[in-house]
Amino acid sequence: MSDEIFMFNALWLKGDEGRRQYGEYGSRAMELVERLGGGLDYALVADKAVQDDFVPDVLAVVRYPSREV
């Protein structure tokens, strides 16, 4: 059995500046996650409501090798 865990992320980016800032953060964070054996499994741009009024800018699933990482 694998110890991997997956984290679902729903992101609201607050315009172009929010996208730029999250892009910088995301690049640095993914370098660390990948060094530890994880990675970005899915990233989707949401263009319709997921449920009722739940409309994030981006949906992402990040894989971590274990809870300890």
Protein backbone atom coordinates (compact mmCIF):
# COMPACT_ATOMS: atom_id res chain seq x y z
CA MET A 1 0.00 0.00 0.00
CA SER A 2 1.30 3.46 -0.93
CA ASP A 3 1.71 6.22 1.66
CA GLU A 4 1.05 8.89 -0.97
CA ILE A 5 -1.53 11.54 -0.22
CA PHE A 6 -3.25 13.96 -2.59
CA MET A 7 -4.31 17.53 -1.85
CA PHE A 8 -7.13 19.16 -3.80
CA ASN A 9 -6.59 22.90 -4.28
CA ALA A 10 -9.22 25.43 -5.35
CA LEU A 11 -7.63 28.80 -6.13
CA TRP A 12 -9.12 32.26 -6.56
CA LEU A 13 -6.32 34.42 -7.96
CA LYS A 14 -7.65 38.02 -7.81
CA GLY A 15 -6.80 39.24 -11.29
CA ASP A 16 -3.55 39.46 -13.19
CA GLU A 17 -1.48 40.48 -10.16
CA GLY A 18 -2.81 37.52 -8.17
CA ARG A 19 -1.98 35.18 -11.05
CA ARG A 20 1.56 36.58 -11.24
CA GLN A 21 2.13 36.28 -7.50
CA TYR A 22 0.72 32.77 -7.31
CA GLY A 23 2.83 31.79 -10.34
CA GLU A 24 5.97 32.85 -8.46
CA TYR A 25 4.90 31.02 -5.30
CA GLY A 26 3.77 27.94 -7.23
CA SER A 27 7.07 27.61 -9.09
CA ARG A 28 9.07 27.70 -5.86
CA ALA A 29 6.69 25.40 -4.01
CA MET A 30 6.64 22.80 -6.81
CA GLU A 31 10.46 22.70 -6.87
CA LEU A 32 10.38 21.68 -3.20
CA VAL A 33 7.50 19.23 -3.62
CA GLU A 34 9.25 17.56 -6.57
CA ARG A 35 12.56 17.31 -4.67
CA LEU A 36 10.66 15.48 -1.93
CA GLY A 37 9.12 13.02 -4.40
CA GLY A 38 5.74 14.63 -5.07
CA GLY A 39 4.33 16.56 -7.98
CA LEU A 40 1.45 18.30 -9.65
CA ASP A 41 -0.90 15.61 -10.96
CA TYR A 42 -3.67 17.81 -12.44
CA ALA A 43 -4.27 21.53 -12.96
CA LEU A 44 -7.46 22.71 -14.60
CA VAL A 45 -8.80 26.16 -15.40
CA ALA A 46 -12.41 26.28 -14.27
CA ASP A 47 -14.77 28.00 -16.68
CA LYS A 48 -18.06 26.76 -15.19
CA ALA A 49 -19.38 26.32 -11.69
CA VAL A 50 -18.25 23.12 -10.04
CA GLN A 51 -21.28 23.24 -7.78
CA ASP A 52 -23.74 26.12 -7.54
CA ASP A 53 -21.57 29.23 -7.03
CA PHE A 54 -18.23 27.43 -6.47
CA VAL A 55 -16.16 28.83 -9.37
CA PRO A 56 -12.43 28.96 -8.59
CA ASP A 57 -9.94 30.20 -11.18
CA VAL A 58 -7.86 27.02 -10.99
CA LEU A 59 -8.36 23.50 -9.63
CA ALA A 60 -5.24 21.48 -8.90
CA VAL A 61 -4.30 18.13 -7.36
CA VAL A 62 -0.86 17.90 -5.76
CA ARG A 63 0.65 14.53 -4.81
CA TYR A 64 2.87 14.16 -1.75
CA PRO A 65 4.89 10.98 -1.05
CA SER A 66 3.58 10.76 2.53
CA ARG A 67 1.97 12.73 5.34
CA GLU A 68 5.39 13.27 6.89
CA VAL A 69 6.71 15.32 3.96
